[in-house]
Every structure is written in C-alpha cells, then in structure tokens.
Amino acid sequence: MEKNHVKTAMARYAIGDLVRHRIYPFRGVIFDVDPEFANSEEWYEAIPEEMRPRKDQPFYHLFAENADTEYVAYVSEQNLVPDDSGEPVRHPQVPDVFEWVSDSRRYSIRPGLEH
C-alpha cells in the first residue's frame, strides 16, 4: 500500500528569535510558528501575485514594529532574515510573553508560560 508523504520544511527560526522582513521596513519577535501556510485564502489572495510566497514553507507570527507603530504580522520564512541589531522590540504584548535576554540578543518565554 502506497503512503502519501508530505514534506514539511524544518523551521529556520524559533520562538523568541528576532527577525526582520527582507523587503519591508519592519522587525519583530517570533511568538508562534506554522509549519506551512495556515491563514485564510482571502489573506493570501490579497498579496500581489508576483510577491505571493509559497504555501509549503514555515510561516511565523510576529509581535512586529516599524518606525510608526506596533502590530502582529504573519510572514513566510522566505521573507525573513535575522535581526542582528541587538535591540529589544517595543511591541506592548512582548513583556506579557517574553523576557529579554540581552547577552544572547533574543527573547525567552516567561517562566510559567512554556507549554
């Protein structure tokens, strides 16, 4: 009997990592990872076709910020690069979930919130 094998990419980034978008001017801390696209088709179709990422890659939920505001972003792995600034993220929800570990330049999940 033949089995269907689904190839799932290993996530390059982990919860607590600082990343920035490779094209757009925003950065953030990862608070969740989907092994592949798990948002609505409406959201996906709203992305211009020439910029639409593949669905068969990890997607990351970020507490994000740009020069003007803070928000939650959903970004494909292909559009992220490490943020080596060493600066904490100012998003107001970050302290509820994470503690800044300055010597490692990343966040760790607050004690008691791990699952």
PDB file of N, CA and C in Angstrom:
ATOM      1  N   MET A   1       0.847  -1.191   0.000  1.00  0.00           N
ATOM      2  CA  MET A   1       0.000   0.000   0.000  1.00  0.00           C
ATOM      3  C   MET A   1       0.888   1.248   0.000  1.00  0.00           C
ATOM      4  N   GLU A   2       0.616   2.160  -0.881  1.00  0.00           N
ATOM      5  CA  GLU A   2       1.412   3.376  -1.004  1.00  0.00           C
ATOM      6  C   GLU A   2       0.939   4.417   0.002  1.00  0.00           C
ATOM      7  N   LYS A   3       1.892   5.047   0.651  1.00  0.00           N
ATOM      8  CA  LYS A   3       1.553   6.100   1.610  1.00  0.00           C
ATOM      9  C   LYS A   3       1.900   7.452   1.007  1.00  0.00           C
ATOM     10  N   ASN A   4       1.092   8.429   1.332  1.00  0.00           N
ATOM     11  CA  ASN A   4       1.388   9.792   0.900  1.00  0.00           C
ATOM     12  C   ASN A   4       2.365  10.417   1.886  1.00  0.00           C
ATOM     13  N   HIS A   5       3.453  10.887   1.375  1.00  0.00           N
ATOM     14  CA  HIS A   5       4.437  11.546   2.227  1.00  0.00           C
ATOM     15  C   HIS A   5       4.383  13.040   1.966  1.00  0.00           C
ATOM     16  N   VAL A   6       4.212  13.776   3.034  1.00  0.00           N
ATOM     17  CA  VAL A   6       4.180  15.224   2.936  1.00  0.00           C
ATOM     18  C   VAL A   6       5.521  15.741   3.431  1.00  0.00           C
ATOM     19  N   LYS A   7       6.161  16.521   2.616  1.00  0.00           N
ATOM     20  CA  LYS A   7       7.445  17.103   3.002  1.00  0.00           C
ATOM     21  C   LYS A   7       7.178  18.395   3.752  1.00  0.00           C
ATOM     22  N   THR A   8       7.582  18.410   5.005  1.00  0.00           N
ATOM     23  CA  THR A   8       7.425  19.605   5.813  1.00  0.00           C
ATOM     24  C   THR A   8       8.812  20.169   6.085  1.00  0.00           C
ATOM     25  N   ALA A   9       8.989  21.416   5.763  1.00  0.00           N
ATOM     26  CA  ALA A   9      10.282  22.067   5.977  1.00  0.00           C
ATOM     27  C   ALA A   9      10.496  22.319   7.464  1.00  0.00           C
ATOM     28  N   MET A  10      11.712  22.136   7.899  1.00  0.00           N
ATOM     29  CA  MET A  10      12.066  22.476   9.270  1.00  0.00           C
ATOM     30  C   MET A  10      12.159  24.000   9.365  1.00  0.00           C
ATOM     31  N   ALA A  11      11.597  24.531  10.419  1.00  0.00           N
ATOM     32  CA  ALA A  11      11.624  25.982  10.606  1.00  0.00           C
ATOM     33  C   ALA A  11      13.051  26.458  10.868  1.00  0.00           C
ATOM     34  N   ARG A  12      13.449  27.491  10.178  1.00  0.00           N
ATOM     35  CA  ARG A  12      14.772  28.088  10.334  1.00  0.00           C
ATOM     36  C   ARG A  12      14.851  28.909  11.619  1.00  0.00           C
ATOM     37  N   TYR A  13      13.726  29.500  12.012  1.00  0.00           N
ATOM     38  CA  TYR A  13      13.689  30.373  13.185  1.00  0.00           C
ATOM     39  C   TYR A  13      12.838  29.742  14.279  1.00  0.00           C
ATOM     40  N   ALA A  14      13.066  30.219  15.512  1.00  0.00           N
ATOM     41  CA  ALA A  14      12.365  29.660  16.675  1.00  0.00           C
ATOM     42  C   ALA A  14      11.629  30.757  17.430  1.00  0.00           C
ATOM     43  N   ILE A  15      10.713  30.350  18.280  1.00  0.00           N
ATOM     44  CA  ILE A  15      10.001  31.294  19.141  1.00  0.00           C
ATOM     45  C   ILE A  15      11.031  32.038  19.987  1.00  0.00           C
ATOM     46  N   GLY A  16      10.905  33.363  19.998  1.00  0.00           N
ATOM     47  CA  GLY A  16      11.837  34.215  20.731  1.00  0.00           C
ATOM     48  C   GLY A  16      12.913  34.844  19.866  1.00  0.00           C
ATOM     49  N   ASP A  17      13.066  34.363  18.639  1.00  0.00           N
ATOM     50  CA  ASP A  17      14.084  34.931  17.741  1.00  0.00           C
ATOM     51  C   ASP A  17      13.655  36.310  17.238  1.00  0.00           C
ATOM     52  N   LEU A  18      14.635  37.182  17.083  1.00  0.00           N
ATOM     53  CA  LEU A  18      14.430  38.495  16.472  1.00  0.00           C
ATOM     54  C   LEU A  18      14.682  38.377  14.982  1.00  0.00           C
ATOM     55  N   VAL A  19      13.734  38.876  14.197  1.00  0.00           N
ATOM     56  CA  VAL A  19      13.850  38.816  12.739  1.00  0.00           C
ATOM     57  C   VAL A  19      13.404  40.146  12.147  1.00  0.00           C
ATOM     58  N   ARG A  20      13.754  40.330  10.884  1.00  0.00           N
ATOM     59  CA  ARG A  20      13.245  41.486  10.154  1.00  0.00           C
ATOM     60  C   ARG A  20      12.821  41.010   8.773  1.00  0.00           C
ATOM     61  N   HIS A  21      11.930  41.788   8.155  1.00  0.00           N
ATOM     62  CA  HIS A  21      11.460  41.454   6.820  1.00  0.00           C
ATOM     63  C   HIS A  21      12.561  41.796   5.830  1.00  0.00           C
ATOM     64  N   ARG A  22      12.750  40.955   4.833  1.00  0.00           N
ATOM     65  CA  ARG A  22      13.844  41.186   3.877  1.00  0.00           C
ATOM     66  C   ARG A  22      13.537  42.293   2.890  1.00  0.00           C
ATOM     67  N   ILE A  23      12.267  42.676   2.737  1.00  0.00           N
ATOM     68  CA  ILE A  23      11.896  43.735   1.795  1.00  0.00           C
ATOM     69  C   ILE A  23      11.335  44.962   2.523  1.00  0.00           C
ATOM     70  N   TYR A  24      10.362  44.736   3.388  1.00  0.00           N
ATOM     71  CA  TYR A  24       9.669  45.843   4.050  1.00  0.00           C
ATOM     72  C   TYR A  24      10.353  46.229   5.351  1.00  0.00           C
ATOM     73  N   PRO A  25      10.262  47.512   5.736  1.00  0.00           N
ATOM     74  CA  PRO A  25      10.989  48.001   6.918  1.00  0.00           C
ATOM     75  C   PRO A  25      10.271  47.708   8.243  1.00  0.00           C
ATOM     76  N   PHE A  26      10.210  46.420   8.609  1.00  0.00           N
ATOM     77  CA  PHE A  26       9.720  46.091   9.937  1.00  0.00           C
ATOM     78  C   PHE A  26      10.495  44.915  10.503  1.00  0.00           C
ATOM     79  N   ARG A  27      10.442  44.799  11.816  1.00  0.00           N
ATOM     80  CA  ARG A  27      11.136  43.750  12.549  1.00  0.00           C
ATOM     81  C   ARG A  27      10.216  43.233  13.639  1.00  0.00           C
ATOM     82  N   GLY A  28      10.591  42.139  14.275  1.00  0.00           N
ATOM     83  CA  GLY A  28       9.757  41.629  15.345  1.00  0.00           C
ATOM     84  C   GLY A  28      10.346  40.412  16.027  1.00  0.00           C
ATOM     85  N   VAL A  29       9.600  39.931  17.000  1.00  0.00           N
ATOM     86  CA  VAL A  29       9.970  38.720  17.727  1.00  0.00           C
ATOM     87  C   VAL A  29       8.930  37.643  17.399  1.00  0.00           C
ATOM     88  N   ILE A  30       9.394  36.439  17.124  1.00  0.00           N
ATOM     89  CA  ILE A  30       8.503  35.334  16.763  1.00  0.00           C
ATOM     90  C   ILE A  30       7.814  34.808  18.017  1.00  0.00           C
ATOM     91  N   PHE A  31       6.462  34.709  17.950  1.00  0.00           N
ATOM     92  CA  PHE A  31       5.740  34.134  19.074  1.00  0.00           C
ATOM     93  C   PHE A  31       4.997  32.856  18.721  1.00  0.00           C
ATOM     94  N   ASP A  32       4.954  32.485  17.445  1.00  0.00           N
ATOM     95  CA  ASP A  32       4.348  31.216  17.042  1.00  0.00           C
ATOM     96  C   ASP A  32       4.843  30.876  15.640  1.00  0.00           C
ATOM     97  N   VAL A  33       4.817  29.574  15.325  1.00  0.00           N
ATOM     98  CA  VAL A  33       5.277  29.094  14.019  1.00  0.00           C
ATOM     99  C   VAL A  33       4.257  28.103  13.468  1.00  0.00           C
ATOM    100  N   ASP A  34       3.873  28.294  12.216  1.00  0.00           N
ATOM    101  CA  ASP A  34       3.055  27.319  11.489  1.00  0.00           C
ATOM    102  C   ASP A  34       3.994  26.585  10.532  1.00  0.00           C
ATOM    103  N   PRO A  35       3.987  25.229  10.497  1.00  0.00           N
ATOM    104  CA  PRO A  35       4.891  24.503   9.605  1.00  0.00           C
ATOM    105  C   PRO A  35       4.652  24.798   8.126  1.00  0.00           C
ATOM    106  N   GLU A  36       3.439  25.233   7.793  1.00  0.00           N
ATOM    107  CA  GLU A  36       3.123  25.701   6.445  1.00  0.00           C
ATOM    108  C   GLU A  36       1.983  26.702   6.570  1.00  0.00           C
ATOM    109  N   PHE A  37       1.629  27.336   5.471  1.00  0.00           N
ATOM    110  CA  PHE A  37       0.606  28.387   5.470  1.00  0.00           C
ATOM    111  C   PHE A  37      -0.669  27.926   6.172  1.00  0.00           C
ATOM    112  N   ALA A  38      -1.153  28.743   7.105  1.00  0.00           N
ATOM    113  CA  ALA A  38      -2.363  28.393   7.860  1.00  0.00           C
ATOM    114  C   ALA A  38      -3.240  29.618   8.090  1.00  0.00           C
ATOM    115  N   ASN A  39      -3.251  30.530   7.150  1.00  0.00           N
ATOM    116  CA  ASN A  39      -4.091  31.710   7.243  1.00  0.00           C
ATOM    117  C   ASN A  39      -5.217  31.553   6.223  1.00  0.00           C
ATOM    118  N   SER A  40      -6.039  32.570   6.067  1.00  0.00           N
ATOM    119  CA  SER A  40      -7.192  32.481   5.153  1.00  0.00           C
ATOM    120  C   SER A  40      -6.768  32.661   3.697  1.00  0.00           C
ATOM    121  N   GLU A  41      -7.558  32.100   2.808  1.00  0.00           N
ATOM    122  CA  GLU A  41      -7.318  32.299   1.368  1.00  0.00           C
ATOM    123  C   GLU A  41      -7.466  33.775   1.008  1.00  0.00           C
ATOM    124  N   GLU A  42      -8.396  34.452   1.669  1.00  0.00           N
ATOM    125  CA  GLU A  42      -8.594  35.873   1.420  1.00  0.00           C
ATOM    126  C   GLU A  42      -7.308  36.653   1.716  1.00  0.00           C
ATOM    127  N   TRP A  43      -6.661  36.333   2.846  1.00  0.00           N
ATOM    128  CA  TRP A  43      -5.400  36.978   3.212  1.00  0.00           C
ATOM    129  C   TRP A  43      -4.357  36.700   2.128  1.00  0.00           C
ATOM    130  N   TYR A  44      -4.253  35.448   1.710  1.00  0.00           N
ATOM    131  CA  TYR A  44      -3.266  35.038   0.714  1.00  0.00           C
ATOM    132  C   TYR A  44      -3.502  35.724  -0.627  1.00  0.00           C
ATOM    133  N   GLU A  45      -4.746  35.757  -1.059  1.00  0.00           N
ATOM    134  CA  GLU A  45      -5.092  36.360  -2.359  1.00  0.00           C
ATOM    135  C   GLU A  45      -4.875  37.875  -2.369  1.00  0.00           C
ATOM    136  N   ALA A  46      -4.853  38.495  -1.183  1.00  0.00           N
ATOM    137  CA  ALA A  46      -4.642  39.942  -1.098  1.00  0.00           C
ATOM    138  C   ALA A  46      -3.187  40.326  -1.390  1.00  0.00           C
ATOM    139  N   ILE A  47      -2.295  39.356  -1.346  1.00  0.00           N
ATOM    140  CA  ILE A  47      -0.883  39.613  -1.657  1.00  0.00           C
ATOM    141  C   ILE A  47      -0.743  39.678  -3.181  1.00  0.00           C
ATOM    142  N   PRO A  48      -0.096  40.697  -3.702  1.00  0.00           N
ATOM    143  CA  PRO A  48       0.087  40.758  -5.162  1.00  0.00           C
ATOM    144  C   PRO A  48       0.726  39.460  -5.673  1.00  0.00           C
ATOM    145  N   GLU A  49       0.188  38.940  -6.764  1.00  0.00           N
ATOM    146  CA  GLU A  49       0.601  37.629  -7.276  1.00  0.00           C
ATOM    147  C   GLU A  49       2.116  37.500  -7.448  1.00  0.00           C
ATOM    148  N   GLU A  50       2.752  38.551  -7.938  1.00  0.00           N
ATOM    149  CA  GLU A  50       4.193  38.481  -8.170  1.00  0.00           C
ATOM    150  C   GLU A  50       5.002  38.424  -6.870  1.00  0.00           C
ATOM    151  N   MET A  51       4.352  38.693  -5.737  1.00  0.00           N
ATOM    152  CA  MET A  51       5.039  38.677  -4.444  1.00  0.00           C
ATOM    153  C   MET A  51       4.551  37.565  -3.522  1.00  0.00           C
ATOM    154  N   ARG A  52       3.567  36.801  -3.959  1.00  0.00           N
ATOM    155  CA  ARG A  52       2.987  35.755  -3.112  1.00  0.00           C
ATOM    156  C   ARG A  52       4.004  34.673  -2.765  1.00  0.00           C
ATOM    157  N   PRO A  53       4.176  34.389  -1.488  1.00  0.00           N
ATOM    158  CA  PRO A  53       5.116  33.327  -1.099  1.00  0.00           C
ATOM    159  C   PRO A  53       4.501  31.942  -1.305  1.00  0.00           C
ATOM    160  N   ARG A  54       5.363  30.952  -1.417  1.00  0.00           N
ATOM    161  CA  ARG A  54       4.896  29.564  -1.473  1.00  0.00           C
ATOM    162  C   ARG A  54       4.189  29.221  -0.158  1.00  0.00           C
ATOM    163  N   LYS A  55       3.208  28.361  -0.221  1.00  0.00           N
ATOM    164  CA  LYS A  55       2.483  27.949   0.987  1.00  0.00           C
ATOM    165  C   LYS A  55       3.185  26.817   1.724  1.00  0.00           C
ATOM    166  N   ASP A  56       4.078  26.105   1.054  1.00  0.00           N
ATOM    167  CA  ASP A  56       4.700  24.912   1.635  1.00  0.00           C
ATOM    168  C   ASP A  56       6.006  25.231   2.369  1.00  0.00           C
ATOM    169  N   GLN A  57       5.977  26.259   3.175  1.00  0.00           N
ATOM    170  CA  GLN A  57       7.126  26.656   3.986  1.00  0.00           C
ATOM    171  C   GLN A  57       6.613  27.144   5.321  1.00  0.00           C
ATOM    172  N   PRO A  58       7.469  27.219   6.331  1.00  0.00           N
ATOM    173  CA  PRO A  58       7.014  27.758   7.615  1.00  0.00           C
ATOM    174  C   PRO A  58       6.566  29.224   7.485  1.00  0.00           C
ATOM    175  N   PHE A  59       5.545  29.554   8.256  1.00  0.00           N
ATOM    176  CA  PHE A  59       5.056  30.931   8.397  1.00  0.00           C
ATOM    177  C   PHE A  59       5.136  31.290   9.873  1.00  0.00           C
ATOM    178  N   TYR A  60       5.492  32.534  10.147  1.00  0.00           N
ATOM    179  CA  TYR A  60       5.775  32.985  11.501  1.00  0.00           C
ATOM    180  C   TYR A  60       4.817  34.093  11.931  1.00  0.00           C
ATOM    181  N   HIS A  61       4.388  34.009  13.183  1.00  0.00           N
ATOM    182  CA  HIS A  61       3.589  35.060  13.810  1.00  0.00           C
ATOM    183  C   HIS A  61       4.566  35.936  14.590  1.00  0.00           C
ATOM    184  N   LEU A  62       4.542  37.233  14.314  1.00  0.00           N
ATOM    185  CA  LEU A  62       5.480  38.160  14.953  1.00  0.00           C
ATOM    186  C   LEU A  62       4.757  39.239  15.737  1.00  0.00           C
ATOM    187  N   PHE A  63       5.314  39.584  16.893  1.00  0.00           N
ATOM    188  CA  PHE A  63       4.996  40.865  17.506  1.00  0.00           C
ATOM    189  C   PHE A  63       5.907  41.824  16.758  1.00  0.00           C
ATOM    190  N   ALA A  64       5.347  42.605  15.862  1.00  0.00           N
ATOM    191  CA  ALA A  64       6.140  43.391  14.919  1.00  0.00           C
ATOM    192  C   ALA A  64       6.067  44.884  15.208  1.00  0.00           C
ATOM    193  N   GLU A  65       7.031  45.596  14.631  1.00  0.00           N
ATOM    194  CA  GLU A  65       7.067  47.047  14.743  1.00  0.00           C
ATOM    195  C   GLU A  65       7.752  47.627  13.520  1.00  0.00           C
ATOM    196  N   ASN A  66       7.303  48.825  13.171  1.00  0.00           N
ATOM    197  CA  ASN A  66       8.021  49.617  12.178  1.00  0.00           C
ATOM    198  C   ASN A  66       8.277  50.975  12.824  1.00  0.00           C
ATOM    199  N   ALA A  67       8.683  51.951  12.068  1.00  0.00           N
ATOM    200  CA  ALA A  67       9.010  53.263  12.641  1.00  0.00           C
ATOM    201  C   ALA A  67       7.794  53.936  13.274  1.00  0.00           C
ATOM    202  N   ASP A  68       6.584  53.578  12.821  1.00  0.00           N
ATOM    203  CA  ASP A  68       5.384  54.283  13.259  1.00  0.00           C
ATOM    204  C   ASP A  68       4.515  53.556  14.271  1.00  0.00           C
ATOM    205  N   THR A  69       4.491  52.220  14.242  1.00  0.00           N
ATOM    206  CA  THR A  69       3.501  51.513  15.044  1.00  0.00           C
ATOM    207  C   THR A  69       3.940  50.088  15.373  1.00  0.00           C
ATOM    208  N   GLU A  70       3.155  49.437  16.222  1.00  0.00           N
ATOM    209  CA  GLU A  70       3.359  48.037  16.566  1.00  0.00           C
ATOM    210  C   GLU A  70       2.125  47.262  16.138  1.00  0.00           C
ATOM    211  N   TYR A  71       2.305  46.018  15.735  1.00  0.00           N
ATOM    212  CA  TYR A  71       1.198  45.203  15.250  1.00  0.00           C
ATOM    213  C   TYR A  71       1.618  43.738  15.246  1.00  0.00           C
ATOM    214  N   VAL A  72       0.705  42.848  14.877  1.00  0.00           N
ATOM    215  CA  VAL A  72       1.012  41.433  14.712  1.00  0.00           C
ATOM    216  C   VAL A  72       1.129  41.163  13.215  1.00  0.00           C
ATOM    217  N   ALA A  73       2.193  40.483  12.814  1.00  0.00           N
ATOM    218  CA  ALA A  73       2.435  40.169  11.403  1.00  0.00           C
ATOM    219  C   ALA A  73       2.489  38.658  11.212  1.00  0.00           C
ATOM    220  N   TYR A  74       2.168  38.227  10.002  1.00  0.00           N
ATOM    221  CA  TYR A  74       2.230  36.820   9.600  1.00  0.00           C
ATOM    222  C   TYR A  74       3.116  36.777   8.365  1.00  0.00           C
ATOM    223  N   VAL A  75       4.283  36.140   8.475  1.00  0.00           N
ATOM    224  CA  VAL A  75       5.303  36.273   7.425  1.00  0.00           C
ATOM    225  C   VAL A  75       5.886  34.911   7.056  1.00  0.00           C
ATOM    226  N   SER A  76       6.073  34.698   5.761  1.00  0.00           N
ATOM    227  CA  SER A  76       6.692  33.464   5.278  1.00  0.00           C
ATOM    228  C   SER A  76       8.183  33.464   5.598  1.00  0.00           C
ATOM    229  N   GLU A  77       8.723  32.269   5.751  1.00  0.00           N
ATOM    230  CA  GLU A  77      10.145  32.145   6.061  1.00  0.00           C
ATOM    231  C   GLU A  77      11.025  32.798   4.999  1.00  0.00           C
ATOM    232  N   GLN A  78      10.637  32.677   3.719  1.00  0.00           N
ATOM    233  CA  GLN A  78      11.460  33.230   2.643  1.00  0.00           C
ATOM    234  C   GLN A  78      11.600  34.741   2.743  1.00  0.00           C
ATOM    235  N   ASN A  79      10.725  35.394   3.486  1.00  0.00           N
ATOM    236  CA  ASN A  79      10.774  36.848   3.602  1.00  0.00           C
ATOM    237  C   ASN A  79      11.382  37.341   4.906  1.00  0.00           C
ATOM    238  N   LEU A  80      11.987  36.445   5.674  1.00  0.00           N
ATOM    239  CA  LEU A  80      12.600  36.849   6.936  1.00  0.00           C
ATOM    240  C   LEU A  80      14.114  36.657   6.908  1.00  0.00           C
ATOM    241  N   VAL A  81      14.785  37.541   7.618  1.00  0.00           N
ATOM    242  CA  VAL A  81      16.222  37.423   7.848  1.00  0.00           C
ATOM    243  C   VAL A  81      16.455  37.736   9.332  1.00  0.00           C
ATOM    244  N   PRO A  82      17.562  37.251   9.895  1.00  0.00           N
ATOM    245  CA  PRO A  82      17.833  37.558  11.303  1.00  0.00           C
ATOM    246  C   PRO A  82      17.978  39.062  11.525  1.00  0.00           C
ATOM    247  N   ASP A  83      17.518  39.524  12.663  1.00  0.00           N
ATOM    248  CA  ASP A  83      17.721  40.922  13.053  1.00  0.00           C
ATOM    249  C   ASP A  83      18.887  40.927  14.036  1.00  0.00           C
ATOM    250  N   ASP A  84      20.011  41.433  13.590  1.00  0.00           N
ATOM    251  CA  ASP A  84      21.222  41.431  14.408  1.00  0.00           C
ATOM    252  C   ASP A  84      21.442  42.744  15.147  1.00  0.00           C
ATOM    253  N   SER A  85      20.378  43.563  15.264  1.00  0.00           N
ATOM    254  CA  SER A  85      20.520  44.870  15.906  1.00  0.00           C
ATOM    255  C   SER A  85      20.826  44.741  17.401  1.00  0.00           C
ATOM    256  N   GLY A  86      20.370  43.656  18.011  1.00  0.00           N
ATOM    257  CA  GLY A  86      20.557  43.500  19.450  1.00  0.00           C
ATOM    258  C   GLY A  86      19.620  44.352  20.276  1.00  0.00           C
ATOM    259  N   GLU A  87      18.672  45.011  19.625  1.00  0.00           N
ATOM    260  CA  GLU A  87      17.730  45.886  20.310  1.00  0.00           C
ATOM    261  C   GLU A  87      16.424  45.160  20.604  1.00  0.00           C
ATOM    262  N   PRO A  88      15.879  45.304  21.823  1.00  0.00           N
ATOM    263  CA  PRO A  88      14.583  44.691  22.108  1.00  0.00           C
ATOM    264  C   PRO A  88      13.468  45.316  21.267  1.00  0.00           C
ATOM    265  N   VAL A  89      12.379  44.590  21.133  1.00  0.00           N
ATOM    266  CA  VAL A  89      11.203  45.052  20.393  1.00  0.00           C
ATOM    267  C   VAL A  89      10.298  45.811  21.356  1.00  0.00           C
ATOM    268  N   ARG A  90       9.716  46.913  20.910  1.00  0.00           N
ATOM    269  CA  ARG A  90       8.894  47.752  21.796  1.00  0.00           C
ATOM    270  C   ARG A  90       7.415  47.351  21.822  1.00  0.00           C
ATOM    271  N   HIS A  91       7.016  46.333  21.077  1.00  0.00           N
ATOM    272  CA  HIS A  91       5.610  45.917  20.998  1.00  0.00           C
ATOM    273  C   HIS A  91       5.058  45.718  22.416  1.00  0.00           C
ATOM    274  N   PRO A  92       3.866  46.274  22.719  1.00  0.00           N
ATOM    275  CA  PRO A  92       3.347  46.228  24.093  1.00  0.00           C
ATOM    276  C   PRO A  92       3.011  44.828  24.615  1.00  0.00           C
ATOM    277  N   GLN A  93       2.813  43.832  23.749  1.00  0.00           N
ATOM    278  CA  GLN A  93       2.498  42.484  24.218  1.00  0.00           C
ATOM    279  C   GLN A  93       3.741  41.659  24.545  1.00  0.00           C
ATOM    280  N   VAL A  94       4.901  42.104  24.104  1.00  0.00           N
ATOM    281  CA  VAL A  94       6.126  41.334  24.320  1.00  0.00           C
ATOM    282  C   VAL A  94       6.366  41.028  25.801  1.00  0.00           C
ATOM    283  N   PRO A  95       6.279  42.004  26.713  1.00  0.00           N
ATOM    284  CA  PRO A  95       6.559  41.691  28.127  1.00  0.00           C
ATOM    285  C   PRO A  95       5.574  40.696  28.758  1.00  0.00           C
ATOM    286  N   ASP A  96       4.392  40.539  28.163  1.00  0.00           N
ATOM    287  CA  ASP A  96       3.431  39.566  28.677  1.00  0.00           C
ATOM    288  C   ASP A  96       3.859  38.132  28.388  1.00  0.00           C
ATOM    289  N   VAL A  97       4.666  37.949  27.356  1.00  0.00           N
ATOM    290  CA  VAL A  97       5.027  36.613  26.887  1.00  0.00           C
ATOM    291  C   VAL A  97       6.512  36.305  27.078  1.00  0.00           C
ATOM    292  N   PHE A  98       7.355  37.316  26.922  1.00  0.00           N
ATOM    293  CA  PHE A  98       8.802  37.097  26.862  1.00  0.00           C
ATOM    294  C   PHE A  98       9.574  37.912  27.886  1.00  0.00           C
ATOM    295  N   GLU A  99      10.803  37.443  28.129  1.00  0.00           N
ATOM    296  CA  GLU A  99      11.811  38.203  28.856  1.00  0.00           C
ATOM    297  C   GLU A  99      12.976  38.413  27.901  1.00  0.00           C
ATOM    298  N   TRP A 100      13.542  39.623  27.903  1.00  0.00           N
ATOM    299  CA  TRP A 100      14.686  39.931  27.041  1.00  0.00           C
ATOM    300  C   TRP A 100      15.948  39.369  27.678  1.00  0.00           C
ATOM    301  N   VAL A 101      16.723  38.626  26.910  1.00  0.00           N
ATOM    302  CA  VAL A 101      17.994  38.075  27.367  1.00  0.00           C
ATOM    303  C   VAL A 101      19.078  38.819  26.592  1.00  0.00           C
ATOM    304  N   SER A 102      19.592  39.891  27.188  1.00  0.00           N
ATOM    305  CA  SER A 102      20.468  40.803  26.450  1.00  0.00           C
ATOM    306  C   SER A 102      21.758  40.142  25.983  1.00  0.00           C
ATOM    307  N   ASP A 103      22.335  39.212  26.767  1.00  0.00           N
ATOM    308  CA  ASP A 103      23.598  38.623  26.334  1.00  0.00           C
ATOM    309  C   ASP A 103      23.437  37.667  25.158  1.00  0.00           C
ATOM    310  N   SER A 104      22.213  37.155  24.934  1.00  0.00           N
ATOM    311  CA  SER A 104      22.002  36.282  23.775  1.00  0.00           C
ATOM    312  C   SER A 104      21.273  37.010  22.646  1.00  0.00           C
ATOM    313  N   ARG A 105      20.864  38.270  22.898  1.00  0.00           N
ATOM    314  CA  ARG A 105      20.173  39.094  21.898  1.00  0.00           C
ATOM    315  C   ARG A 105      18.921  38.413  21.360  1.00  0.00           C
ATOM    316  N   ARG A 106      18.160  37.781  22.271  1.00  0.00           N
ATOM    317  CA  ARG A 106      16.897  37.153  21.879  1.00  0.00           C
ATOM    318  C   ARG A 106      15.983  37.154  23.096  1.00  0.00           C
ATOM    319  N   TYR A 107      14.798  36.624  22.909  1.00  0.00           N
ATOM    320  CA  TYR A 107      13.823  36.546  23.986  1.00  0.00           C
ATOM    321  C   TYR A 107      13.673  35.108  24.449  1.00  0.00           C
ATOM    322  N   SER A 108      13.337  34.952  25.721  1.00  0.00           N
ATOM    323  CA  SER A 108      12.950  33.628  26.227  1.00  0.00           C
ATOM    324  C   SER A 108      11.520  33.756  26.758  1.00  0.00           C
ATOM    325  N   ILE A 109      10.796  32.665  26.666  1.00  0.00           N
ATOM    326  CA  ILE A 109       9.401  32.663  27.139  1.00  0.00           C
ATOM    327  C   ILE A 109       9.412  32.834  28.656  1.00  0.00           C
ATOM    328  N   ARG A 110       8.505  33.675  29.155  1.00  0.00           N
ATOM    329  CA  ARG A 110       8.416  33.920  30.589  1.00  0.00           C
ATOM    330  C   ARG A 110       8.184  32.611  31.331  1.00  0.00           C
ATOM    331  N   PRO A 111       8.827  32.437  32.483  1.00  0.00           N
ATOM    332  CA  PRO A 111       8.576  31.228  33.278  1.00  0.00           C
ATOM    333  C   PRO A 111       7.088  31.063  33.570  1.00  0.00           C
ATOM    334  N   GLY A 112       6.605  29.856  33.439  1.00  0.00           N
ATOM    335  CA  GLY A 112       5.185  29.559  33.662  1.00  0.00           C
ATOM    336  C   GLY A 112       4.341  29.605  32.402  1.00  0.00           C
ATOM    337  N   LEU A 113       4.882  30.173  31.321  1.00  0.00           N
ATOM    338  CA  LEU A 113       4.135  30.241  30.071  1.00  0.00           C
ATOM    339  C   LEU A 113       4.530  29.153  29.084  1.00  0.00           C
ATOM    340  N   GLU A 114       5.630  28.426  29.371  1.00  0.00           N
ATOM    341  CA  GLU A 114       6.051  27.366  28.444  1.00  0.00           C
ATOM    342  C   GLU A 114       4.975  26.303  28.383  1.00  0.00           C
ATOM    343  N   HIS A 115       4.862  25.648  27.226  1.00  0.00           N
ATOM    344  CA  HIS A 115       3.909  24.532  27.128  1.00  0.00           C
ATOM    345  C   HIS A 115       4.554  23.332  26.492  1.00  0.00           C
TER     346      HIS A 115
END
